[in-house]
Amino acid sequence: MESLEKNWYVLHTYSGYENKVKANIESRAQSMGMEDNIFRVVVPEEEEREIKNGKEKITAKKTFPGYVLVEMIMSDDSWYIVRNTPGVTGFVGSHGAGSKPAPLLEEEVAQILQKLGISRRTSDLDVELGEVVTIKAGAFTGLTGEITELDNEKQKLKVNIDMFGRETSTELDFDQVDKL
C-alpha cells in the first residue's frame, strides 16, 4: 500500500472548485506536516483570448474542468488528507472505497505539464555553488551563468547571468540547465 515514489494523481472535484481544492490541499499538507509527501498541486489551465467590444480579454480556461493534478507519495496518511479535502470527490482510477488510485503514466504527465509550461523536475544535477552552467530551456536559453544558490529539495537554483551588461539573478529548475 505504501509507495516511496512520488507520482502524479488525478483528483475529481466539484466543477468550479478546482482552485479552492488546490489551495486547501496545499494548506492541509503544510498544517499536517505532509510537505514531504504532498508536493505540487496543479489546476490545468490555458489562456483564452477573446475580443469583446473591440478590447482583447485574456481569461484562464480550465483544460480539464472538475479535475486537479497532485504530485504526491501515496501513503495511507497522504491519501487520507487529499481524499478528505473539501471539494474533492475522489481520485480518478481508484476502484472501491479503500483502494489506492493508479498514478498517471510518465508520458501522460510529460504531455500535460509540457503543454502547461511546467517543468517535471526529475533531474539529478551534480553541481556546486560558484559553478558555471548553460541554460538549456526557458527565456534565457543559450546563456551561461554562475550558480549563487542551490535548493536540492525543490530542485531549483539561482544563477547570475549577464543581461545588457548587468549581472541579473534568475531562478531556474534543475532540468533547465546543463553543467558546462
Foldseek 3Di string as FASTA:
>chain_A
DFFQDKFKWKFFFDFPCQVVLQVQLVVLCVVVVNCSFWPHKAQQWDWDWDADPNDIDIDTHGPDGRMMMTIGGDDPVSLVSSCPRPGTVGIPQADDDPGDHDGDDPVVVCVRCVVRVHDPQPDDADDDAQFKKAFCDDPRHGWIFGWHAADVVQQKTWTFTQDPNDTDIDIDHVVRIDGD
